[in-house]
């Protein structure tokens, strides 16, 4: 029996609708984005985020700075957004030009407004098992597993990739949900052996078709996060043939990708509620 397709587009549309309802009940919510440089993909991503936010009733502020902007200027702009009471959420689009210290920019964000969940304070709460703002892509992965009834507690999960954006937070989220988590990376010996034991596989390294049918345990849930643009189009980290053995599988495209923006919008409303005092944010 072919795998159940975990449709990220459909679930993301539902979440965006829920966000729109929350915004209508809450009042004005504003998301500010900061983009430095001319990377075409980054501009496409930012445009998509602004479009989705507008459809959900979220106001946006679009700060686009030239590639030559100094780090000091970027930090100054971030601090201005931190201090602006009209701004509830701030998203810094990565990557930035080489002369910009991305970690310094991330650390400059006010944690309560850091809707990407990358500030060390938010990463720390995730590590402690009490997440506040959750990085959008791994948050979307967990939402897909929940929506399709995939059991997490007590299951073995393999996360391929250890990036701060996806791999590490995905592992922490799964651990918080009582999975037994193994993190695999470029120096992992015998990746296939780890994958074959896993009930859940999250592939997030950007290596086309890395996870093959022979590496997947029958009935496992497989989330394809990695994305590579090739001459034949967009290719994920998971070979399509995995559909013949997996129990659940995200398509590429249309799986985890649409969930990222939906979860970002949800975090923006959450930030507004933190700032309004509707939800408790430690230290505020």
Foldseek 3Di string as FASTA:
>chain_A
DFAAALFQVVVLVVLLQVLLVLCVVPDAFEEEEEAEEDDPVLVVVVVVLCVSCVVSVYHYHYHYHYLPDAQVVLLVVQVVLQPDPNHLAYYYGDDHPPRHDVLVSLCSHDCLRHLQQLHPVQVVCLQVLNHQRAHQLLVLVVVSCVVVVNQLAPFEEEEEDDDSRHRVSNQSVSVSSHYRYDYHYPPDDPQLVSQQRGLEYEYADQDFQQAELSSHHAAHAYEWDHWDQDPVGIGTNHDPCVSVGYHYYYDVPRGSVSRRSSSSSVSSSSSVCCVVVVDPDPPD
